[in-house]
Amino acid sequence: MISGIVSSMRPRQWVKNLLVFAGLVFAQKFTDPVEILRTVAAFAAFCLVSGAVYIINDLVDRESDRLHPKKRLRPIASGRLGTGPA
């Protein structure tokens, strides 16, 4: 079940959230521990929120995703992850 939830959150898409670290570089704060911690927290928050949106979208679209050749393999569309745990 946990692997289905994590998979539904699409962690490979989280690479985009690394852009929040650009602020540290451009502000020249990449040696400030407080700013690094804030940026890591922002990265984690972005990942959790985007993951939740992916799960909500998969729940809403599960019936049409079952008919799609690639999307039917997603945990919710395939039935590996039920709507309750998602």
PDB file of N, CA and C in Angstrom:
ATOM      1  N   MET A   1       0.827  -1.196   0.000  1.00  0.00           N
ATOM      2  CA  MET A   1       0.000   0.000   0.000  1.00  0.00           C
ATOM      3  C   MET A   1       0.874   1.265   0.000  1.00  0.00           C
ATOM      4  N   ILE A   2       1.904   1.296   0.850  1.00  0.00           N
ATOM      5  CA  ILE A   2       2.769   2.478   0.927  1.00  0.00           C
ATOM      6  C   ILE A   2       3.453   2.720  -0.415  1.00  0.00           C
ATOM      7  N   SER A   3       3.909   1.650  -1.053  1.00  0.00           N
ATOM      8  CA  SER A   3       4.570   1.828  -2.345  1.00  0.00           C
ATOM      9  C   SER A   3       3.600   2.372  -3.394  1.00  0.00           C
ATOM     10  N   GLY A   4       2.338   1.965  -3.310  1.00  0.00           N
ATOM     11  CA  GLY A   4       1.329   2.491  -4.230  1.00  0.00           C
ATOM     12  C   GLY A   4       1.070   3.967  -4.020  1.00  0.00           C
ATOM     13  N   ILE A   5       1.055   4.388  -2.756  1.00  0.00           N
ATOM     14  CA  ILE A   5       0.844   5.808  -2.451  1.00  0.00           C
ATOM     15  C   ILE A   5       2.026   6.625  -2.958  1.00  0.00           C
ATOM     16  N   VAL A   6       3.235   6.162  -2.651  1.00  0.00           N
ATOM     17  CA  VAL A   6       4.434   6.890  -3.090  1.00  0.00           C
ATOM     18  C   VAL A   6       4.496   6.941  -4.605  1.00  0.00           C
ATOM     19  N   SER A   7       4.197   5.818  -5.249  1.00  0.00           N
ATOM     20  CA  SER A   7       4.204   5.782  -6.708  1.00  0.00           C
ATOM     21  C   SER A   7       3.169   6.748  -7.295  1.00  0.00           C
ATOM     22  N   SER A   8       2.002   6.829  -6.651  1.00  0.00           N
ATOM     23  CA  SER A   8       0.948   7.739  -7.122  1.00  0.00           C
ATOM     24  C   SER A   8       1.341   9.204  -6.958  1.00  0.00           C
ATOM     25  N   MET A   9       2.246   9.475  -6.026  1.00  0.00           N
ATOM     26  CA  MET A   9       2.704  10.852  -5.818  1.00  0.00           C
ATOM     27  C   MET A   9       3.742  11.270  -6.858  1.00  0.00           C
ATOM     28  N   ARG A  10       4.159  10.343  -7.699  1.00  0.00           N
ATOM     29  CA  ARG A  10       5.080  10.564  -8.822  1.00  0.00           C
ATOM     30  C   ARG A  10       6.358  11.295  -8.417  1.00  0.00           C
ATOM     31  N   PRO A  11       7.175  10.644  -7.596  1.00  0.00           N
ATOM     32  CA  PRO A  11       8.400  11.296  -7.127  1.00  0.00           C
ATOM     33  C   PRO A  11       9.369  11.689  -8.239  1.00  0.00           C
ATOM     34  N   ARG A  12       9.318  11.039  -9.387  1.00  0.00           N
ATOM     35  CA  ARG A  12      10.238  11.440 -10.470  1.00  0.00           C
ATOM     36  C   ARG A  12       9.921  12.841 -10.977  1.00  0.00           C
ATOM     37  N   GLN A  13       8.719  13.325 -10.707  1.00  0.00           N
ATOM     38  CA  GLN A  13       8.353  14.678 -11.107  1.00  0.00           C
ATOM     39  C   GLN A  13       8.869  15.733 -10.126  1.00  0.00           C
ATOM     40  N   TRP A  14       9.330  15.289  -8.963  1.00  0.00           N
ATOM     41  CA  TRP A  14       9.774  16.223  -7.932  1.00  0.00           C
ATOM     42  C   TRP A  14      11.063  16.938  -8.300  1.00  0.00           C
ATOM     43  N   VAL A  15      11.757  16.457  -9.320  1.00  0.00           N
ATOM     44  CA  VAL A  15      12.998  17.101  -9.746  1.00  0.00           C
ATOM     45  C   VAL A  15      12.748  18.579 -10.052  1.00  0.00           C
ATOM     46  N   LYS A  16      11.579  18.867 -10.581  1.00  0.00           N
ATOM     47  CA  LYS A  16      11.224  20.257 -10.907  1.00  0.00           C
ATOM     48  C   LYS A  16      11.238  21.152  -9.666  1.00  0.00           C
ATOM     49  N   ASN A  17      10.927  20.571  -8.525  1.00  0.00           N
ATOM     50  CA  ASN A  17      10.874  21.349  -7.282  1.00  0.00           C
ATOM     51  C   ASN A  17      12.253  21.766  -6.796  1.00  0.00           C
ATOM     52  N   LEU A  18      13.298  21.196  -7.376  1.00  0.00           N
ATOM     53  CA  LEU A  18      14.655  21.588  -7.001  1.00  0.00           C
ATOM     54  C   LEU A  18      14.952  23.045  -7.358  1.00  0.00           C
ATOM     55  N   LEU A  19      14.105  23.632  -8.183  1.00  0.00           N
ATOM     56  CA  LEU A  19      14.299  25.039  -8.555  1.00  0.00           C
ATOM     57  C   LEU A  19      14.245  25.971  -7.346  1.00  0.00           C
ATOM     58  N   VAL A  20      13.617  25.536  -6.255  1.00  0.00           N
ATOM     59  CA  VAL A  20      13.584  26.407  -5.073  1.00  0.00           C
ATOM     60  C   VAL A  20      14.988  26.649  -4.541  1.00  0.00           C
ATOM     61  N   PHE A  21      15.920  25.749  -4.838  1.00  0.00           N
ATOM     62  CA  PHE A  21      17.295  25.933  -4.383  1.00  0.00           C
ATOM     63  C   PHE A  21      18.030  27.008  -5.175  1.00  0.00           C
ATOM     64  N   ALA A  22      17.507  27.384  -6.323  1.00  0.00           N
ATOM     65  CA  ALA A  22      18.121  28.459  -7.104  1.00  0.00           C
ATOM     66  C   ALA A  22      18.102  29.769  -6.330  1.00  0.00           C
ATOM     67  N   GLY A  23      17.085  29.965  -5.510  1.00  0.00           N
ATOM     68  CA  GLY A  23      17.011  31.178  -4.693  1.00  0.00           C
ATOM     69  C   GLY A  23      18.203  31.299  -3.755  1.00  0.00           C
ATOM     70  N   LEU A  24      18.655  30.185  -3.200  1.00  0.00           N
ATOM     71  CA  LEU A  24      19.837  30.206  -2.335  1.00  0.00           C
ATOM     72  C   LEU A  24      21.071  30.671  -3.099  1.00  0.00           C
ATOM     73  N   VAL A  25      21.208  30.165  -4.298  1.00  0.00           N
ATOM     74  CA  VAL A  25      22.378  30.508  -5.104  1.00  0.00           C
ATOM     75  C   VAL A  25      22.353  31.976  -5.497  1.00  0.00           C
ATOM     76  N   PHE A  26      21.225  32.424  -6.023  1.00  0.00           N
ATOM     77  CA  PHE A  26      21.148  33.807  -6.493  1.00  0.00           C
ATOM     78  C   PHE A  26      21.191  34.819  -5.357  1.00  0.00           C
ATOM     79  N   ALA A  27      20.715  34.429  -4.189  1.00  0.00           N
ATOM     80  CA  ALA A  27      20.783  35.313  -3.027  1.00  0.00           C
ATOM     81  C   ALA A  27      22.109  35.166  -2.290  1.00  0.00           C
ATOM     82  N   GLN A  28      22.944  34.267  -2.760  1.00  0.00           N
ATOM     83  CA  GLN A  28      24.244  33.976  -2.150  1.00  0.00           C
ATOM     84  C   GLN A  28      24.092  33.624  -0.667  1.00  0.00           C
ATOM     85  N   LYS A  29      23.104  32.792  -0.382  1.00  0.00           N
ATOM     86  CA  LYS A  29      22.820  32.344   0.981  1.00  0.00           C
ATOM     87  C   LYS A  29      23.067  30.848   1.138  1.00  0.00           C
ATOM     88  N   PHE A  30      23.806  30.240   0.198  1.00  0.00           N
ATOM     89  CA  PHE A  30      23.986  28.799   0.210  1.00  0.00           C
ATOM     90  C   PHE A  30      24.905  28.299   1.330  1.00  0.00           C
ATOM     91  N   THR A  31      25.423  29.194   2.152  1.00  0.00           N
ATOM     92  CA  THR A  31      26.201  28.788   3.331  1.00  0.00           C
ATOM     93  C   THR A  31      25.467  29.108   4.633  1.00  0.00           C
ATOM     94  N   ASP A  32      24.285  29.682   4.526  1.00  0.00           N
ATOM     95  CA  ASP A  32      23.498  30.056   5.704  1.00  0.00           C
ATOM     96  C   ASP A  32      22.622  28.876   6.112  1.00  0.00           C
ATOM     97  N   PRO A  33      22.890  28.249   7.273  1.00  0.00           N
ATOM     98  CA  PRO A  33      22.134  27.059   7.675  1.00  0.00           C
ATOM     99  C   PRO A  33      20.625  27.301   7.820  1.00  0.00           C
ATOM    100  N   VAL A  34      20.246  28.472   8.283  1.00  0.00           N
ATOM    101  CA  VAL A  34      18.821  28.770   8.445  1.00  0.00           C
ATOM    102  C   VAL A  34      18.134  28.825   7.086  1.00  0.00           C
ATOM    103  N   GLU A  35      18.766  29.480   6.138  1.00  0.00           N
ATOM    104  CA  GLU A  35      18.184  29.578   4.793  1.00  0.00           C
ATOM    105  C   GLU A  35      18.168  28.221   4.095  1.00  0.00           C
ATOM    106  N   ILE A  36      19.184  27.420   4.330  1.00  0.00           N
ATOM    107  CA  ILE A  36      19.202  26.071   3.759  1.00  0.00           C
ATOM    108  C   ILE A  36      18.047  25.253   4.327  1.00  0.00           C
ATOM    109  N   LEU A  37      17.828  25.342   5.624  1.00  0.00           N
ATOM    110  CA  LEU A  37      16.723  24.615   6.256  1.00  0.00           C
ATOM    111  C   LEU A  37      15.370  25.076   5.720  1.00  0.00           C
ATOM    112  N   ARG A  38      15.212  26.367   5.553  1.00  0.00           N
ATOM    113  CA  ARG A  38      13.959  26.897   4.991  1.00  0.00           C
ATOM    114  C   ARG A  38      13.737  26.397   3.567  1.00  0.00           C
ATOM    115  N   THR A  39      14.807  26.359   2.805  1.00  0.00           N
ATOM    116  CA  THR A  39      14.691  25.911   1.419  1.00  0.00           C
ATOM    117  C   THR A  39      14.374  24.422   1.350  1.00  0.00           C
ATOM    118  N   VAL A  40      14.988  23.633   2.212  1.00  0.00           N
ATOM    119  CA  VAL A  40      14.683  22.206   2.261  1.00  0.00           C
ATOM    120  C   VAL A  40      13.222  21.998   2.665  1.00  0.00           C
ATOM    121  N   ALA A  41      12.754  22.783   3.625  1.00  0.00           N
ATOM    122  CA  ALA A  41      11.347  22.700   4.044  1.00  0.00           C
ATOM    123  C   ALA A  41      10.421  23.081   2.893  1.00  0.00           C
ATOM    124  N   ALA A  42      10.774  24.108   2.143  1.00  0.00           N
ATOM    125  CA  ALA A  42       9.961  24.513   0.990  1.00  0.00           C
ATOM    126  C   ALA A  42       9.941  23.410  -0.064  1.00  0.00           C
ATOM    127  N   PHE A  43      11.103  22.800  -0.303  1.00  0.00           N
ATOM    128  CA  PHE A  43      11.175  21.694  -1.258  1.00  0.00           C
ATOM    129  C   PHE A  43      10.263  20.551  -0.822  1.00  0.00           C
ATOM    130  N   ALA A  44      10.336  20.181   0.453  1.00  0.00           N
ATOM    131  CA  ALA A  44       9.501  19.099   0.974  1.00  0.00           C
ATOM    132  C   ALA A  44       8.013  19.442   0.858  1.00  0.00           C
ATOM    133  N   ALA A  45       7.663  20.684   1.178  1.00  0.00           N
ATOM    134  CA  ALA A  45       6.260  21.109   1.082  1.00  0.00           C
ATOM    135  C   ALA A  45       5.777  21.056  -0.367  1.00  0.00           C
ATOM    136  N   PHE A  46       6.588  21.523  -1.297  1.00  0.00           N
ATOM    137  CA  PHE A  46       6.218  21.477  -2.709  1.00  0.00           C
ATOM    138  C   PHE A  46       6.000  20.035  -3.150  1.00  0.00           C
ATOM    139  N   CYS A  47       6.879  19.129  -2.718  1.00  0.00           N
ATOM    140  CA  CYS A  47       6.756  17.726  -3.101  1.00  0.00           C
ATOM    141  C   CYS A  47       5.474  17.114  -2.543  1.00  0.00           C
ATOM    142  N   LEU A  48       5.176  17.395  -1.295  1.00  0.00           N
ATOM    143  CA  LEU A  48       3.957  16.843  -0.690  1.00  0.00           C
ATOM    144  C   LEU A  48       2.698  17.392  -1.343  1.00  0.00           C
ATOM    145  N   VAL A  49       2.676  18.680  -1.603  1.00  0.00           N
ATOM    146  CA  VAL A  49       1.492  19.286  -2.224  1.00  0.00           C
ATOM    147  C   VAL A  49       1.309  18.784  -3.653  1.00  0.00           C
ATOM    148  N   SER A  50       2.382  18.762  -4.420  1.00  0.00           N
ATOM    149  CA  SER A  50       2.242  18.281  -5.800  1.00  0.00           C
ATOM    150  C   SER A  50       1.855  16.806  -5.827  1.00  0.00           C
ATOM    151  N   GLY A  51       2.403  16.018  -4.906  1.00  0.00           N
ATOM    152  CA  GLY A  51       2.025  14.612  -4.813  1.00  0.00           C
ATOM    153  C   GLY A  51       0.560  14.435  -4.482  1.00  0.00           C
ATOM    154  N   ALA A  52       0.050  15.253  -3.575  1.00  0.00           N
ATOM    155  CA  ALA A  52      -1.364  15.185  -3.217  1.00  0.00           C
ATOM    156  C   ALA A  52      -2.246  15.541  -4.410  1.00  0.00           C
ATOM    157  N   VAL A  53      -1.829  16.514  -5.182  1.00  0.00           N
ATOM    158  CA  VAL A  53      -2.598  16.904  -6.375  1.00  0.00           C
ATOM    159  C   VAL A  53      -2.616  15.765  -7.393  1.00  0.00           C
ATOM    160  N   TYR A  54      -1.488  15.081  -7.564  1.00  0.00           N
ATOM    161  CA  TYR A  54      -1.450  13.932  -8.472  1.00  0.00           C
ATOM    162  C   TYR A  54      -2.424  12.849  -8.016  1.00  0.00           C
ATOM    163  N   ILE A  55      -2.461  12.587  -6.710  1.00  0.00           N
ATOM    164  CA  ILE A  55      -3.369  11.555  -6.196  1.00  0.00           C
ATOM    165  C   ILE A  55      -4.824  11.964  -6.402  1.00  0.00           C
ATOM    166  N   ILE A  56      -5.152  13.213  -6.112  1.00  0.00           N
ATOM    167  CA  ILE A  56      -6.523  13.690  -6.314  1.00  0.00           C
ATOM    168  C   ILE A  56      -6.910  13.572  -7.781  1.00  0.00           C
ATOM    169  N   ASN A  57      -6.006  13.970  -8.661  1.00  0.00           N
ATOM    170  CA  ASN A  57      -6.279  13.867 -10.097  1.00  0.00           C
ATOM    171  C   ASN A  57      -6.499  12.413 -10.507  1.00  0.00           C
ATOM    172  N   ASP A  58      -5.684  11.513  -9.993  1.00  0.00           N
ATOM    173  CA  ASP A  58      -5.844  10.098 -10.333  1.00  0.00           C
ATOM    174  C   ASP A  58      -7.159   9.532  -9.799  1.00  0.00           C
ATOM    175  N   LEU A  59      -7.591  10.006  -8.643  1.00  0.00           N
ATOM    176  CA  LEU A  59      -8.880   9.559  -8.101  1.00  0.00           C
ATOM    177  C   LEU A  59     -10.029  10.030  -8.986  1.00  0.00           C
ATOM    178  N   VAL A  60      -9.973  11.281  -9.395  1.00  0.00           N
ATOM    179  CA  VAL A  60     -11.041  11.853 -10.220  1.00  0.00           C
ATOM    180  C   VAL A  60     -11.085  11.188 -11.599  1.00  0.00           C
ATOM    181  N   ASP A  61      -9.921  10.914 -12.152  1.00  0.00           N
ATOM    182  CA  ASP A  61      -9.834  10.395 -13.525  1.00  0.00           C
ATOM    183  C   ASP A  61      -9.685   8.877 -13.603  1.00  0.00           C
ATOM    184  N   ARG A  62      -9.878   8.151 -12.512  1.00  0.00           N
ATOM    185  CA  ARG A  62      -9.556   6.715 -12.506  1.00  0.00           C
ATOM    186  C   ARG A  62     -10.322   5.920 -13.557  1.00  0.00           C
ATOM    187  N   GLU A  63     -11.566   6.263 -13.815  1.00  0.00           N
ATOM    188  CA  GLU A  63     -12.346   5.501 -14.806  1.00  0.00           C
ATOM    189  C   GLU A  63     -11.799   5.697 -16.217  1.00  0.00           C
ATOM    190  N   SER A  64     -11.501   6.931 -16.580  1.00  0.00           N
ATOM    191  CA  SER A  64     -10.954   7.165 -17.924  1.00  0.00           C
ATOM    192  C   SER A  64      -9.514   6.679 -18.021  1.00  0.00           C
ATOM    193  N   ASP A  65      -8.764   6.731 -16.907  1.00  0.00           N
ATOM    194  CA  ASP A  65      -7.388   6.239 -16.927  1.00  0.00           C
ATOM    195  C   ASP A  65      -7.334   4.735 -17.166  1.00  0.00           C
ATOM    196  N   ARG A  66      -8.345   4.015 -16.730  1.00  0.00           N
ATOM    197  CA  ARG A  66      -8.379   2.553 -16.940  1.00  0.00           C
ATOM    198  C   ARG A  66      -8.439   2.201 -18.417  1.00  0.00           C
ATOM    199  N   LEU A  67      -8.901   3.107 -19.238  1.00  0.00           N
ATOM    200  CA  LEU A  67      -9.019   2.867 -20.680  1.00  0.00           C
ATOM    201  C   LEU A  67      -7.776   3.308 -21.447  1.00  0.00           C
ATOM    202  N   HIS A  68      -6.890   4.033 -20.807  1.00  0.00           N
ATOM    203  CA  HIS A  68      -5.697   4.571 -21.458  1.00  0.00           C
ATOM    204  C   HIS A  68      -4.579   3.530 -21.423  1.00  0.00           C
ATOM    205  N   PRO A  69      -3.839   3.357 -22.535  1.00  0.00           N
ATOM    206  CA  PRO A  69      -2.818   2.306 -22.579  1.00  0.00           C
ATOM    207  C   PRO A  69      -1.703   2.454 -21.529  1.00  0.00           C
ATOM    208  N   LYS A  70      -1.297   3.659 -21.196  1.00  0.00           N
ATOM    209  CA  LYS A  70      -0.230   3.858 -20.198  1.00  0.00           C
ATOM    210  C   LYS A  70      -0.791   4.167 -18.816  1.00  0.00           C
ATOM    211  N   LYS A  71      -1.792   5.023 -18.757  1.00  0.00           N
ATOM    212  CA  LYS A  71      -2.338   5.441 -17.464  1.00  0.00           C
ATOM    213  C   LYS A  71      -3.019   4.298 -16.722  1.00  0.00           C
ATOM    214  N   ARG A  72      -3.436   3.263 -17.427  1.00  0.00           N
ATOM    215  CA  ARG A  72      -4.113   2.135 -16.782  1.00  0.00           C
ATOM    216  C   ARG A  72      -3.186   1.373 -15.838  1.00  0.00           C
ATOM    217  N   LEU A  73      -1.877   1.613 -15.982  1.00  0.00           N
ATOM    218  CA  LEU A  73      -0.895   0.937 -15.134  1.00  0.00           C
ATOM    219  C   LEU A  73      -0.639   1.678 -13.818  1.00  0.00           C
ATOM    220  N   ARG A  74      -1.179   2.875 -13.671  1.00  0.00           N
ATOM    221  CA  ARG A  74      -1.008   3.630 -12.428  1.00  0.00           C
ATOM    222  C   ARG A  74      -1.704   2.898 -11.282  1.00  0.00           C
ATOM    223  N   PRO A  75      -1.214   3.046 -10.054  1.00  0.00           N
ATOM    224  CA  PRO A  75      -1.754   2.267  -8.927  1.00  0.00           C
ATOM    225  C   PRO A  75      -3.260   2.401  -8.716  1.00  0.00           C
ATOM    226  N   ILE A  76      -3.805   3.589  -8.829  1.00  0.00           N
ATOM    227  CA  ILE A  76      -5.242   3.765  -8.568  1.00  0.00           C
ATOM    228  C   ILE A  76      -6.065   3.202  -9.728  1.00  0.00           C
ATOM    229  N   ALA A  77      -5.664   3.497 -10.951  1.00  0.00           N
ATOM    230  CA  ALA A  77      -6.401   3.007 -12.121  1.00  0.00           C
ATOM    231  C   ALA A  77      -6.339   1.488 -12.219  1.00  0.00           C
ATOM    232  N   SER A  78      -5.216   0.914 -11.840  1.00  0.00           N
ATOM    233  CA  SER A  78      -5.056  -0.535 -11.948  1.00  0.00           C
ATOM    234  C   SER A  78      -5.717  -1.288 -10.808  1.00  0.00           C
ATOM    235  N   GLY A  79      -6.054  -0.579  -9.726  1.00  0.00           N
ATOM    236  CA  GLY A  79      -6.683  -1.222  -8.582  1.00  0.00           C
ATOM    237  C   GLY A  79      -5.703  -1.674  -7.509  1.00  0.00           C
ATOM    238  N   ARG A  80      -4.385  -1.469  -7.745  1.00  0.00           N
ATOM    239  CA  ARG A  80      -3.385  -1.824  -6.725  1.00  0.00           C
ATOM    240  C   ARG A  80      -3.525  -0.965  -5.485  1.00  0.00           C
ATOM    241  N   LEU A  81      -4.032   0.258  -5.672  1.00  0.00           N
ATOM    242  CA  LEU A  81      -4.254   1.186  -4.552  1.00  0.00           C
ATOM    243  C   LEU A  81      -5.718   1.586  -4.567  1.00  0.00           C
ATOM    244  N   GLY A  82      -6.410   1.261  -3.496  1.00  0.00           N
ATOM    245  CA  GLY A  82      -7.831   1.571  -3.416  1.00  0.00           C
ATOM    246  C   GLY A  82      -8.077   3.056  -3.192  1.00  0.00           C
ATOM    247  N   THR A  83      -9.303   3.458  -3.407  1.00  0.00           N
ATOM    248  CA  THR A  83      -9.654   4.869  -3.242  1.00  0.00           C
ATOM    249  C   THR A  83      -9.612   5.296  -1.786  1.00  0.00           C
ATOM    250  N   GLY A  84      -9.881   4.393  -0.870  1.00  0.00           N
ATOM    251  CA  GLY A  84      -9.835   4.720   0.564  1.00  0.00           C
ATOM    252  C   GLY A  84      -8.443   5.124   1.026  1.00  0.00           C
ATOM    253  N   PRO A  85      -7.441   4.280   0.819  1.00  0.00           N
ATOM    254  CA  PRO A  85      -6.086   4.658   1.232  1.00  0.00           C
ATOM    255  C   PRO A  85      -5.551   5.869   0.466  1.00  0.00           C
ATOM    256  N   ALA A  86      -5.935   5.989  -0.806  1.00  0.00           N
ATOM    257  CA  ALA A  86      -5.450   7.134  -1.585  1.00  0.00           C
ATOM    258  C   ALA A  86      -6.020   8.413  -1.013  1.00  0.00           C
TER     259      ALA A  86
END
